Amino acid sequence: NARLMGMKTTGNGRRESYAHLPLPRMTNTFMLNGECDPAEIIASVK
């Protein structure tokens, strides 16, 4: 897909086993920190 889209591969070609084709798949996917204290987030909700 990287070749067909003119982009760089990102190391996300994954397959379940030798009997499967590789597909673009997630590895560890997460959102980075913000600046708020979790207690303040709770306190902000009525």
PDB file of all heavy atoms in Angstrom:
ATOM      1  N   ASN A   1       0.813  -1.209   0.000  1.00  0.00           N
ATOM      2  CA  ASN A   1       0.000   0.000   0.000  1.00  0.00           C
ATOM      3  C   ASN A   1       0.850   1.264   0.000  1.00  0.00           C
ATOM      4  O   ASN A   1       0.481   2.265  -0.606  1.00  0.00           O
ATOM      5  CB  ASN A   1      -0.961  -0.020   1.181  1.00  0.00           C
ATOM      6  CG  ASN A   1      -2.106  -0.996   0.970  1.00  0.00           C
ATOM      7  OD1 ASN A   1      -3.061  -0.726   0.262  1.00  0.00           O
ATOM      8  ND2 ASN A   1      -1.989  -2.172   1.582  1.00  0.00           N
ATOM      9  N   ALA A   2       2.001   1.209   0.672  1.00  0.00           N
ATOM     10  CA  ALA A   2       2.899   2.369   0.648  1.00  0.00           C
ATOM     11  C   ALA A   2       3.373   2.643  -0.783  1.00  0.00           C
ATOM     12  O   ALA A   2       3.402   3.797  -1.229  1.00  0.00           O
ATOM     13  CB  ALA A   2       4.093   2.117   1.560  1.00  0.00           C
ATOM     14  N   ARG A   3       3.740   1.582  -1.504  1.00  0.00           N
ATOM     15  CA  ARG A   3       4.213   1.760  -2.882  1.00  0.00           C
ATOM     16  C   ARG A   3       3.110   2.328  -3.766  1.00  0.00           C
ATOM     17  O   ARG A   3       3.337   3.258  -4.550  1.00  0.00           O
ATOM     18  CB  ARG A   3       4.694   0.413  -3.430  1.00  0.00           C
ATOM     19  CG  ARG A   3       5.144   0.462  -4.893  1.00  0.00           C
ATOM     20  CD  ARG A   3       5.715  -0.880  -5.330  1.00  0.00           C
ATOM     21  NE  ARG A   3       4.750  -1.951  -5.164  1.00  0.00           N
ATOM     22  CZ  ARG A   3       3.795  -2.258  -6.048  1.00  0.00           C
ATOM     23  NH1 ARG A   3       3.683  -1.545  -7.167  1.00  0.00           N
ATOM     24  NH2 ARG A   3       2.976  -3.256  -5.836  1.00  0.00           N
ATOM     25  N   LEU A   4       1.908   1.803  -3.635  1.00  0.00           N
ATOM     26  CA  LEU A   4       0.803   2.243  -4.485  1.00  0.00           C
ATOM     27  C   LEU A   4       0.338   3.655  -4.145  1.00  0.00           C
ATOM     28  O   LEU A   4      -0.234   4.348  -4.983  1.00  0.00           O
ATOM     29  CB  LEU A   4      -0.363   1.262  -4.377  1.00  0.00           C
ATOM     30  CG  LEU A   4      -0.094  -0.136  -4.950  1.00  0.00           C
ATOM     31  CD1 LEU A   4      -1.230  -1.086  -4.614  1.00  0.00           C
ATOM     32  CD2 LEU A   4       0.120  -0.071  -6.457  1.00  0.00           C
ATOM     33  N   MET A   5       0.592   4.091  -2.907  1.00  0.00           N
ATOM     34  CA  MET A   5       0.187   5.437  -2.500  1.00  0.00           C
ATOM     35  C   MET A   5       1.328   6.437  -2.590  1.00  0.00           C
ATOM     36  O   MET A   5       1.149   7.621  -2.284  1.00  0.00           O
ATOM     37  CB  MET A   5      -0.368   5.406  -1.067  1.00  0.00           C
ATOM     38  CG  MET A   5      -1.653   4.606  -0.915  1.00  0.00           C
ATOM     39  SD  MET A   5      -2.255   4.565   0.799  1.00  0.00           S
ATOM     40  CE  MET A   5      -2.871   6.258   0.981  1.00  0.00           C
ATOM     41  N   GLY A   6       2.512   5.964  -2.987  1.00  0.00           N
ATOM     42  CA  GLY A   6       3.659   6.857  -3.068  1.00  0.00           C
ATOM     43  C   GLY A   6       4.140   7.333  -1.715  1.00  0.00           C
ATOM     44  O   GLY A   6       4.629   8.464  -1.585  1.00  0.00           O
ATOM     45  N   MET A   7       4.025   6.465  -0.707  1.00  0.00           N
ATOM     46  CA  MET A   7       4.440   6.816   0.655  1.00  0.00           C
ATOM     47  C   MET A   7       5.481   5.827   1.155  1.00  0.00           C
ATOM     48  O   MET A   7       5.761   4.814   0.505  1.00  0.00           O
ATOM     49  CB  MET A   7       3.225   6.819   1.592  1.00  0.00           C
ATOM     50  CG  MET A   7       2.172   7.842   1.241  1.00  0.00           C
ATOM     51  SD  MET A   7       0.780   7.801   2.411  1.00  0.00           S
ATOM     52  CE  MET A   7      -0.202   9.166   1.783  1.00  0.00           C
ATOM     53  N   LYS A   8       6.041   6.098   2.304  1.00  0.00           N
ATOM     54  CA  LYS A   8       7.022   5.207   2.907  1.00  0.00           C
ATOM     55  C   LYS A   8       6.321   4.157   3.750  1.00  0.00           C
ATOM     56  O   LYS A   8       5.303   4.424   4.389  1.00  0.00           O
ATOM     57  CB  LYS A   8       8.002   5.990   3.783  1.00  0.00           C
ATOM     58  CG  LYS A   8       8.924   6.924   3.015  1.00  0.00           C
ATOM     59  CD  LYS A   8       9.897   7.606   3.973  1.00  0.00           C
ATOM     60  CE  LYS A   8      10.858   8.512   3.207  1.00  0.00           C
ATOM     61  NZ  LYS A   8      11.819   9.191   4.116  1.00  0.00           N
ATOM     62  N   THR A   9       6.892   2.935   3.753  1.00  0.00           N
ATOM     63  CA  THR A   9       6.386   1.923   4.666  1.00  0.00           C
ATOM     64  C   THR A   9       6.699   2.329   6.094  1.00  0.00           C
ATOM     65  O   THR A   9       7.703   3.003   6.360  1.00  0.00           O
ATOM     66  CB  THR A   9       6.990   0.535   4.364  1.00  0.00           C
ATOM     67  OG1 THR A   9       6.402  -0.438   5.234  1.00  0.00           O
ATOM     68  CG2 THR A   9       8.494   0.541   4.564  1.00  0.00           C
ATOM     69  N   THR A  10       5.837   1.952   7.016  1.00  0.00           N
ATOM     70  CA  THR A  10       6.010   2.353   8.421  1.00  0.00           C
ATOM     71  C   THR A  10       6.278   1.165   9.340  1.00  0.00           C
ATOM     72  O   THR A  10       6.199   1.291  10.558  1.00  0.00           O
ATOM     73  CB  THR A  10       4.756   3.098   8.912  1.00  0.00           C
ATOM     74  OG1 THR A  10       3.606   2.255   8.740  1.00  0.00           O
ATOM     75  CG2 THR A  10       4.555   4.402   8.147  1.00  0.00           C
ATOM     76  N   GLY A  11       6.578  -0.004   8.763  1.00  0.00           N
ATOM     77  CA  GLY A  11       6.826  -1.180   9.596  1.00  0.00           C
ATOM     78  C   GLY A  11       5.556  -1.767  10.179  1.00  0.00           C
ATOM     79  O   GLY A  11       5.592  -2.373  11.245  1.00  0.00           O
ATOM     80  N   ASN A  12       4.432  -1.609   9.474  1.00  0.00           N
ATOM     81  CA  ASN A  12       3.144  -2.112   9.969  1.00  0.00           C
ATOM     82  C   ASN A  12       2.591  -3.254   9.125  1.00  0.00           C
ATOM     83  O   ASN A  12       1.394  -3.542   9.167  1.00  0.00           O
ATOM     84  CB  ASN A  12       2.113  -0.984  10.015  1.00  0.00           C
ATOM     85  CG  ASN A  12       2.372   0.001  11.131  1.00  0.00           C
ATOM     86  OD1 ASN A  12       3.034   1.017  10.937  1.00  0.00           O
ATOM     87  ND2 ASN A  12       1.874  -0.299  12.316  1.00  0.00           N
ATOM     88  N   GLY A  13       3.452  -3.923   8.329  1.00  0.00           N
ATOM     89  CA  GLY A  13       3.008  -5.086   7.583  1.00  0.00           C
ATOM     90  C   GLY A  13       2.961  -6.299   8.493  1.00  0.00           C
ATOM     91  O   GLY A  13       4.000  -6.781   8.951  1.00  0.00           O
ATOM     92  N   ARG A  14       1.755  -6.795   8.755  1.00  0.00           N
ATOM     93  CA  ARG A  14       1.606  -7.888   9.728  1.00  0.00           C
ATOM     94  C   ARG A  14       0.727  -9.000   9.158  1.00  0.00           C
ATOM     95  O   ARG A  14      -0.185  -8.757   8.378  1.00  0.00           O
ATOM     96  CB  ARG A  14       0.986  -7.367  11.031  1.00  0.00           C
ATOM     97  CG  ARG A  14       1.737  -6.202  11.641  1.00  0.00           C
ATOM     98  CD  ARG A  14       1.270  -5.930  13.049  1.00  0.00           C
ATOM     99  NE  ARG A  14       1.550  -7.057  13.930  1.00  0.00           N
ATOM    100  CZ  ARG A  14       1.157  -7.133  15.202  1.00  0.00           C
ATOM    101  NH1 ARG A  14       0.427  -6.154  15.715  1.00  0.00           N
ATOM    102  NH2 ARG A  14       1.450  -8.174  15.941  1.00  0.00           N
ATOM    103  N   ARG A  15       1.016 -10.221   9.587  1.00  0.00           N
ATOM    104  CA  ARG A  15       0.207 -11.371   9.183  1.00  0.00           C
ATOM    105  C   ARG A  15       0.057 -12.315  10.375  1.00  0.00           C
ATOM    106  O   ARG A  15       0.923 -12.367  11.252  1.00  0.00           O
ATOM    107  CB  ARG A  15       0.810 -12.085   7.985  1.00  0.00           C
ATOM    108  CG  ARG A  15       2.224 -12.575   8.172  1.00  0.00           C
ATOM    109  CD  ARG A  15       2.701 -13.282   6.906  1.00  0.00           C
ATOM    110  NE  ARG A  15       3.708 -12.516   6.182  1.00  0.00           N
ATOM    111  CZ  ARG A  15       4.038 -12.733   4.918  1.00  0.00           C
ATOM    112  NH1 ARG A  15       3.439 -13.684   4.229  1.00  0.00           N
ATOM    113  NH2 ARG A  15       4.955 -11.993   4.308  1.00  0.00           N
ATOM    114  N   GLU A  16      -1.038 -13.048  10.392  1.00  0.00           N
ATOM    115  CA  GLU A  16      -1.261 -13.984  11.491  1.00  0.00           C
ATOM    116  C   GLU A  16      -0.263 -15.128  11.460  1.00  0.00           C
ATOM    117  O   GLU A  16       0.221 -15.586  12.497  1.00  0.00           O
ATOM    118  CB  GLU A  16      -2.686 -14.534  11.430  1.00  0.00           C
ATOM    119  CG  GLU A  16      -3.017 -15.501  12.566  1.00  0.00           C
ATOM    120  CD  GLU A  16      -4.449 -15.985  12.511  1.00  0.00           C
ATOM    121  OE1 GLU A  16      -5.355 -15.161  12.239  1.00  0.00           O
ATOM    122  OE2 GLU A  16      -4.683 -17.191  12.742  1.00  0.00           O
ATOM    123  N   SER A  17       0.040 -15.615  10.267  1.00  0.00           N
ATOM    124  CA  SER A  17       0.971 -16.734  10.129  1.00  0.00           C
ATOM    125  C   SER A  17       1.473 -16.796   8.701  1.00  0.00           C
ATOM    126  O   SER A  17       1.084 -15.986   7.843  1.00  0.00           O
ATOM    127  CB  SER A  17       0.286 -18.055  10.491  1.00  0.00           C
ATOM    128  OG  SER A  17      -0.576 -18.473   9.427  1.00  0.00           O
ATOM    129  N   TYR A  18       2.324 -17.797   8.423  1.00  0.00           N
ATOM    130  CA  TYR A  18       2.852 -17.994   7.074  1.00  0.00           C
ATOM    131  C   TYR A  18       1.737 -18.271   6.062  1.00  0.00           C
ATOM    132  O   TYR A  18       1.945 -18.138   4.852  1.00  0.00           O
ATOM    133  CB  TYR A  18       3.841 -19.170   7.071  1.00  0.00           C
ATOM    134  CG  TYR A  18       3.186 -20.510   7.340  1.00  0.00           C
ATOM    135  CD1 TYR A  18       2.655 -21.276   6.301  1.00  0.00           C
ATOM    136  CD2 TYR A  18       3.080 -21.004   8.630  1.00  0.00           C
ATOM    137  CE1 TYR A  18       2.045 -22.490   6.539  1.00  0.00           C
ATOM    138  CE2 TYR A  18       2.479 -22.217   8.879  1.00  0.00           C
ATOM    139  CZ  TYR A  18       1.957 -22.957   7.838  1.00  0.00           C
ATOM    140  OH  TYR A  18       1.336 -24.158   8.084  1.00  0.00           O
ATOM    141  N   ALA A  19       0.561 -18.661   6.536  1.00  0.00           N
ATOM    142  CA  ALA A  19      -0.549 -18.994   5.643  1.00  0.00           C
ATOM    143  C   ALA A  19      -1.403 -17.774   5.295  1.00  0.00           C
ATOM    144  O   ALA A  19      -2.492 -17.935   4.732  1.00  0.00           O
ATOM    145  CB  ALA A  19      -1.413 -20.079   6.271  1.00  0.00           C
ATOM    146  N   HIS A  20      -0.943 -16.575   5.655  1.00  0.00           N
ATOM    147  CA  HIS A  20      -1.719 -15.359   5.423  1.00  0.00           C
ATOM    148  C   HIS A  20      -0.877 -14.291   4.735  1.00  0.00           C
ATOM    149  O   HIS A  20       0.333 -14.211   4.930  1.00  0.00           O
ATOM    150  CB  HIS A  20      -2.243 -14.789   6.749  1.00  0.00           C
ATOM    151  CG  HIS A  20      -3.140 -15.726   7.493  1.00  0.00           C
ATOM    152  ND1 HIS A  20      -2.655 -16.702   8.326  1.00  0.00           N
ATOM    153  CD2 HIS A  20      -4.498 -15.821   7.533  1.00  0.00           C
ATOM    154  CE1 HIS A  20      -3.677 -17.370   8.849  1.00  0.00           C
ATOM    155  NE2 HIS A  20      -4.791 -16.860   8.382  1.00  0.00           N
ATOM    156  N   LEU A  21      -1.561 -13.455   3.971  1.00  0.00           N
ATOM    157  CA  LEU A  21      -0.911 -12.287   3.372  1.00  0.00           C
ATOM    158  C   LEU A  21      -0.701 -11.188   4.409  1.00  0.00           C
ATOM    159  O   LEU A  21      -1.538 -11.027   5.312  1.00  0.00           O
ATOM    160  CB  LEU A  21      -1.776 -11.725   2.250  1.00  0.00           C
ATOM    161  CG  LEU A  21      -1.657 -12.366   0.869  1.00  0.00           C
ATOM    162  CD1 LEU A  21      -2.789 -11.872  -0.031  1.00  0.00           C
ATOM    163  CD2 LEU A  21      -0.305 -12.043   0.242  1.00  0.00           C
ATOM    164  N   PRO A  22       0.376 -10.420   4.295  1.00  0.00           N
ATOM    165  CA  PRO A  22       0.545  -9.275   5.196  1.00  0.00           C
ATOM    166  C   PRO A  22      -0.438  -8.163   4.860  1.00  0.00           C
ATOM    167  O   PRO A  22      -0.785  -7.948   3.696  1.00  0.00           O
ATOM    168  CB  PRO A  22       1.989  -8.830   4.951  1.00  0.00           C
ATOM    169  CG  PRO A  22       2.309  -9.319   3.576  1.00  0.00           C
ATOM    170  CD  PRO A  22       1.526 -10.579   3.382  1.00  0.00           C
ATOM    171  N   LEU A  23      -0.885  -7.472   5.904  1.00  0.00           N
ATOM    172  CA  LEU A  23      -1.797  -6.342   5.781  1.00  0.00           C
ATOM    173  C   LEU A  23      -1.252  -5.205   6.635  1.00  0.00           C
ATOM    174  O   LEU A  23      -0.528  -5.448   7.604  1.00  0.00           O
ATOM    175  CB  LEU A  23      -3.193  -6.714   6.291  1.00  0.00           C
ATOM    176  CG  LEU A  23      -3.911  -7.887   5.632  1.00  0.00           C
ATOM    177  CD1 LEU A  23      -5.133  -8.283   6.475  1.00  0.00           C
ATOM    178  CD2 LEU A  23      -4.328  -7.527   4.220  1.00  0.00           C
ATOM    179  N   PRO A  24      -1.607  -3.950   6.331  1.00  0.00           N
ATOM    180  CA  PRO A  24      -1.240  -2.868   7.252  1.00  0.00           C
ATOM    181  C   PRO A  24      -2.068  -2.997   8.521  1.00  0.00           C
ATOM    182  O   PRO A  24      -3.299  -2.965   8.472  1.00  0.00           O
ATOM    183  CB  PRO A  24      -1.580  -1.602   6.463  1.00  0.00           C
ATOM    184  CG  PRO A  24      -2.575  -2.029   5.429  1.00  0.00           C
ATOM    185  CD  PRO A  24      -2.290  -3.457   5.121  1.00  0.00           C
ATOM    186  N   ARG A  25      -1.365  -3.163   9.644  1.00  0.00           N
ATOM    187  CA  ARG A  25      -2.038  -3.412  10.928  1.00  0.00           C
ATOM    188  C   ARG A  25      -1.394  -2.570  12.029  1.00  0.00           C
ATOM    189  O   ARG A  25      -0.213  -2.223  11.977  1.00  0.00           O
ATOM    190  CB  ARG A  25      -1.897  -4.890  11.348  1.00  0.00           C
ATOM    191  CG  ARG A  25      -2.374  -5.908  10.341  1.00  0.00           C
ATOM    192  CD  ARG A  25      -3.879  -5.922  10.190  1.00  0.00           C
ATOM    193  NE  ARG A  25      -4.561  -6.226  11.434  1.00  0.00           N
ATOM    194  CZ  ARG A  25      -4.863  -7.480  11.836  1.00  0.00           C
ATOM    195  NH1 ARG A  25      -4.508  -8.513  11.108  1.00  0.00           N
ATOM    196  NH2 ARG A  25      -5.516  -7.676  12.968  1.00  0.00           N
ATOM    197  N   MET A  26      -2.155  -2.301  13.059  1.00  0.00           N
ATOM    198  CA  MET A  26      -1.633  -1.587  14.218  1.00  0.00           C
ATOM    199  C   MET A  26      -0.689  -2.468  15.033  1.00  0.00           C
ATOM    200  O   MET A  26      -0.745  -3.696  14.972  1.00  0.00           O
ATOM    201  CB  MET A  26      -2.798  -1.108  15.099  1.00  0.00           C
ATOM    202  CG  MET A  26      -3.542   0.075  14.551  1.00  0.00           C
ATOM    203  SD  MET A  26      -5.038   0.476  15.506  1.00  0.00           S
ATOM    204  CE  MET A  26      -6.233  -0.623  14.734  1.00  0.00           C
ATOM    205  N   THR A  27       0.189  -1.828  15.829  1.00  0.00           N
ATOM    206  CA  THR A  27       1.051  -2.523  16.784  1.00  0.00           C
ATOM    207  C   THR A  27       0.629  -2.091  18.189  1.00  0.00           C
ATOM    208  O   THR A  27      -0.260  -2.681  18.771  1.00  0.00           O
ATOM    209  CB  THR A  27       2.533  -2.227  16.496  1.00  0.00           C
ATOM    210  OG1 THR A  27       2.774  -0.800  16.531  1.00  0.00           O
ATOM    211  CG2 THR A  27       2.954  -2.762  15.145  1.00  0.00           C
ATOM    212  N   ASN A  28       1.255  -1.057  18.735  1.00  0.00           N
ATOM    213  CA  ASN A  28       0.805  -0.424  19.987  1.00  0.00           C
ATOM    214  C   ASN A  28       0.315   0.982  19.617  1.00  0.00           C
ATOM    215  O   ASN A  28       1.108   1.822  19.221  1.00  0.00           O
ATOM    216  CB  ASN A  28       1.953  -0.318  20.997  1.00  0.00           C
ATOM    217  CG  ASN A  28       2.590  -1.655  21.298  1.00  0.00           C
ATOM    218  OD1 ASN A  28       1.953  -2.560  21.816  1.00  0.00           O
ATOM    219  ND2 ASN A  28       3.867  -1.796  20.959  1.00  0.00           N
ATOM    220  N   THR A  29      -0.983   1.207  19.752  1.00  0.00           N
ATOM    221  CA  THR A  29      -1.572   2.464  19.302  1.00  0.00           C
ATOM    222  C   THR A  29      -2.130   3.217  20.496  1.00  0.00           C
ATOM    223  O   THR A  29      -2.925   2.656  21.261  1.00  0.00           O
ATOM    224  CB  THR A  29      -2.698   2.200  18.276  1.00  0.00           C
ATOM    225  OG1 THR A  29      -2.219   1.295  17.281  1.00  0.00           O
ATOM    226  CG2 THR A  29      -3.144   3.491  17.615  1.00  0.00           C
ATOM    227  N   PHE A  30      -1.734   4.482  20.659  1.00  0.00           N
ATOM    228  CA  PHE A  30      -2.128   5.202  21.869  1.00  0.00           C
ATOM    229  C   PHE A  30      -2.124   6.704  21.642  1.00  0.00           C
ATOM    230  O   PHE A  30      -1.532   7.207  20.682  1.00  0.00           O
ATOM    231  CB  PHE A  30      -1.196   4.844  23.037  1.00  0.00           C
ATOM    232  CG  PHE A  30       0.272   4.940  22.719  1.00  0.00           C
ATOM    233  CD1 PHE A  30       0.985   6.094  22.982  1.00  0.00           C
ATOM    234  CD2 PHE A  30       0.948   3.860  22.160  1.00  0.00           C
ATOM    235  CE1 PHE A  30       2.342   6.185  22.695  1.00  0.00           C
ATOM    236  CE2 PHE A  30       2.309   3.931  21.861  1.00  0.00           C
ATOM    237  CZ  PHE A  30       2.999   5.103  22.139  1.00  0.00           C
ATOM    238  N   MET A  31      -2.777   7.409  22.541  1.00  0.00           N
ATOM    239  CA  MET A  31      -2.795   8.865  22.528  1.00  0.00           C
ATOM    240  C   MET A  31      -1.807   9.368  23.569  1.00  0.00           C
ATOM    241  O   MET A  31      -1.715   8.811  24.679  1.00  0.00           O
ATOM    242  CB  MET A  31      -4.205   9.390  22.845  1.00  0.00           C
ATOM    243  CG  MET A  31      -4.339  10.910  22.712  1.00  0.00           C
ATOM    244  SD  MET A  31      -5.988  11.531  23.187  1.00  0.00           S
ATOM    245  CE  MET A  31      -7.021  10.745  21.940  1.00  0.00           C
ATOM    246  N   LEU A  32      -1.072  10.412  23.229  1.00  0.00           N
ATOM    247  CA  LEU A  32      -0.078  10.955  24.151  1.00  0.00           C
ATOM    248  C   LEU A  32      -0.727  11.821  25.232  1.00  0.00           C
ATOM    249  O   LEU A  32      -1.880  12.240  25.119  1.00  0.00           O
ATOM    250  CB  LEU A  32       0.956  11.781  23.384  1.00  0.00           C
ATOM    251  CG  LEU A  32       1.795  11.047  22.346  1.00  0.00           C
ATOM    252  CD1 LEU A  32       2.902  11.955  21.821  1.00  0.00           C
ATOM    253  CD2 LEU A  32       2.387   9.755  22.905  1.00  0.00           C
ATOM    254  N   ASN A  33       0.053  12.090  26.262  1.00  0.00           N
ATOM    255  CA  ASN A  33      -0.401  12.891  27.396  1.00  0.00           C
ATOM    256  C   ASN A  33      -0.819  14.301  27.014  1.00  0.00           C
ATOM    257  O   ASN A  33      -0.281  14.899  26.074  1.00  0.00           O
ATOM    258  CB  ASN A  33       0.713  13.013  28.439  1.00  0.00           C
ATOM    259  CG  ASN A  33       0.687  11.898  29.458  1.00  0.00           C
ATOM    260  OD1 ASN A  33      -0.372  11.352  29.755  1.00  0.00           O
ATOM    261  ND2 ASN A  33       1.843  11.559  30.001  1.00  0.00           N
ATOM    262  N   GLY A  34      -1.762  14.814  27.804  1.00  0.00           N
ATOM    263  CA  GLY A  34      -2.067  16.238  27.799  1.00  0.00           C
ATOM    264  C   GLY A  34      -1.499  16.851  29.063  1.00  0.00           C
ATOM    265  O   GLY A  34      -0.539  16.324  29.641  1.00  0.00           O
ATOM    266  N   GLU A  35      -2.127  17.931  29.529  1.00  0.00           N
ATOM    267  CA  GLU A  35      -1.585  18.656  30.680  1.00  0.00           C
ATOM    268  C   GLU A  35      -2.489  18.615  31.906  1.00  0.00           C
ATOM    269  O   GLU A  35      -2.114  19.126  32.968  1.00  0.00           O
ATOM    270  CB  GLU A  35      -1.330  20.119  30.295  1.00  0.00           C
ATOM    271  CG  GLU A  35      -0.312  20.286  29.166  1.00  0.00           C
ATOM    272  CD  GLU A  35      -0.108  21.731  28.780  1.00  0.00           C
ATOM    273  OE1 GLU A  35      -0.876  22.595  29.275  1.00  0.00           O
ATOM    274  OE2 GLU A  35       0.818  22.018  27.989  1.00  0.00           O
ATOM    275  N   CYS A  36      -3.663  18.004  31.797  1.00  0.00           N
ATOM    276  CA  CYS A  36      -4.642  18.085  32.891  1.00  0.00           C
ATOM    277  C   CYS A  36      -4.448  16.989  33.931  1.00  0.00           C
ATOM    278  O   CYS A  36      -4.128  15.843  33.596  1.00  0.00           O
ATOM    279  CB  CYS A  36      -6.058  17.991  32.342  1.00  0.00           C
ATOM    280  SG  CYS A  36      -6.500  19.343  31.240  1.00  0.00           S
ATOM    281  N   ASP A  37      -4.675  17.350  35.178  1.00  0.00           N
ATOM    282  CA  ASP A  37      -4.730  16.358  36.247  1.00  0.00           C
ATOM    283  C   ASP A  37      -6.048  15.589  36.104  1.00  0.00           C
ATOM    284  O   ASP A  37      -7.108  16.203  35.937  1.00  0.00           O
ATOM    285  CB  ASP A  37      -4.676  17.052  37.604  1.00  0.00           C
ATOM    286  CG  ASP A  37      -4.602  16.061  38.749  1.00  0.00           C
ATOM    287  OD1 ASP A  37      -5.597  15.342  38.967  1.00  0.00           O
ATOM    288  OD2 ASP A  37      -3.577  16.023  39.438  1.00  0.00           O
ATOM    289  N   PRO A  38      -6.024  14.254  36.158  1.00  0.00           N
ATOM    290  CA  PRO A  38      -7.259  13.482  36.004  1.00  0.00           C
ATOM    291  C   PRO A  38      -8.353  13.900  36.990  1.00  0.00           C
ATOM    292  O   PRO A  38      -9.543  13.911  36.638  1.00  0.00           O
ATOM    293  CB  PRO A  38      -6.815  12.039  36.251  1.00  0.00           C
ATOM    294  CG  PRO A  38      -5.371  12.031  35.882  1.00  0.00           C
ATOM    295  CD  PRO A  38      -4.843  13.373  36.277  1.00  0.00           C
ATOM    296  N   ALA A  39      -7.955  14.235  38.220  1.00  0.00           N
ATOM    297  CA  ALA A  39      -8.944  14.667  39.213  1.00  0.00           C
ATOM    298  C   ALA A  39      -9.628  15.960  38.780  1.00  0.00           C
ATOM    299  O   ALA A  39     -10.831  16.152  39.014  1.00  0.00           O
ATOM    300  CB  ALA A  39      -8.271  14.844  40.573  1.00  0.00           C
ATOM    301  N   GLU A  40      -8.875  16.834  38.119  1.00  0.00           N
ATOM    302  CA  GLU A  40      -9.455  18.082  37.637  1.00  0.00           C
ATOM    303  C   GLU A  40     -10.449  17.825  36.501  1.00  0.00           C
ATOM    304  O   GLU A  40     -11.449  18.534  36.364  1.00  0.00           O
ATOM    305  CB  GLU A  40      -8.349  19.020  37.160  1.00  0.00           C
ATOM    306  CG  GLU A  40      -7.446  19.519  38.283  1.00  0.00           C
ATOM    307  CD  GLU A  40      -6.299  20.368  37.757  1.00  0.00           C
ATOM    308  OE1 GLU A  40      -6.170  20.471  36.510  1.00  0.00           O
ATOM    309  OE2 GLU A  40      -5.541  20.903  38.568  1.00  0.00           O
ATOM    310  N   ILE A  41     -10.158  16.796  35.699  1.00  0.00           N
ATOM    311  CA  ILE A  41     -11.080  16.457  34.611  1.00  0.00           C
ATOM    312  C   ILE A  41     -12.411  15.980  35.188  1.00  0.00           C
ATOM    313  O   ILE A  41     -13.491  16.416  34.747  1.00  0.00           O
ATOM    314  CB  ILE A  41     -10.462  15.383  33.690  1.00  0.00           C
ATOM    315  CG1 ILE A  41      -9.230  15.942  32.982  1.00  0.00           C
ATOM    316  CG2 ILE A  41     -11.489  14.883  32.670  1.00  0.00           C
ATOM    317  CD1 ILE A  41      -8.507  14.938  32.101  1.00  0.00           C
ATOM    318  N   ILE A  42     -12.356  15.116  36.175  1.00  0.00           N
ATOM    319  CA  ILE A  42     -13.589  14.646  36.839  1.00  0.00           C
ATOM    320  C   ILE A  42     -14.331  15.827  37.461  1.00  0.00           C
ATOM    321  O   ILE A  42     -15.549  15.979  37.315  1.00  0.00           O
ATOM    322  CB  ILE A  42     -13.257  13.602  37.927  1.00  0.00           C
ATOM    323  CG1 ILE A  42     -12.625  12.346  37.310  1.00  0.00           C
ATOM    324  CG2 ILE A  42     -14.513  13.249  38.719  1.00  0.00           C
ATOM    325  CD1 ILE A  42     -13.544  11.513  36.484  1.00  0.00           C
ATOM    326  N   ALA A  43     -13.581  16.682  38.137  1.00  0.00           N
ATOM    327  CA  ALA A  43     -14.195  17.819  38.834  1.00  0.00           C
ATOM    328  C   ALA A  43     -14.861  18.796  37.871  1.00  0.00           C
ATOM    329  O   ALA A  43     -15.746  19.566  38.272  1.00  0.00           O
ATOM    330  CB  ALA A  43     -13.140  18.542  39.676  1.00  0.00           C
ATOM    331  N   SER A  44     -14.457  18.771  36.595  1.00  0.00           N
ATOM    332  CA  SER A  44     -15.017  19.718  35.628  1.00  0.00           C
ATOM    333  C   SER A  44     -16.385  19.306  35.096  1.00  0.00           C
ATOM    334  O   SER A  44     -17.036  20.066  34.394  1.00  0.00           O
ATOM    335  CB  SER A  44     -14.053  19.867  34.440  1.00  0.00           C
ATOM    336  OG  SER A  44     -14.054  18.689  33.628  1.00  0.00           O
ATOM    337  N   VAL A  45     -16.819  18.083  35.430  1.00  0.00           N
ATOM    338  CA  VAL A  45     -18.059  17.542  34.868  1.00  0.00           C
ATOM    339  C   VAL A  45     -19.189  17.663  35.885  1.00  0.00           C
ATOM    340  O   VAL A  45     -19.100  17.122  36.991  1.00  0.00           O
ATOM    341  CB  VAL A  45     -17.876  16.064  34.455  1.00  0.00           C
ATOM    342  CG1 VAL A  45     -19.188  15.507  33.884  1.00  0.00           C
ATOM    343  CG2 VAL A  45     -16.748  15.925  33.443  1.00  0.00           C
ATOM    344  N   LYS A  46     -20.245  18.356  35.501  1.00  0.00           N
ATOM    345  CA  LYS A  46     -21.397  18.483  36.390  1.00  0.00           C
ATOM    346  C   LYS A  46     -22.217  17.207  36.407  1.00  0.00           C
ATOM    347  O   LYS A  46     -22.638  16.721  37.467  1.00  0.00           O
ATOM    348  CB  LYS A  46     -22.271  19.657  35.964  1.00  0.00           C
ATOM    349  CG  LYS A  46     -23.438  19.911  36.920  1.00  0.00           C
ATOM    350  CD  LYS A  46     -24.208  21.170  36.523  1.00  0.00           C
ATOM    351  CE  LYS A  46     -25.349  21.424  37.532  1.00  0.00           C
ATOM    352  NZ  LYS A  46     -26.130  22.639  37.169  1.00  0.00           N
TER     353      LYS A  46
END
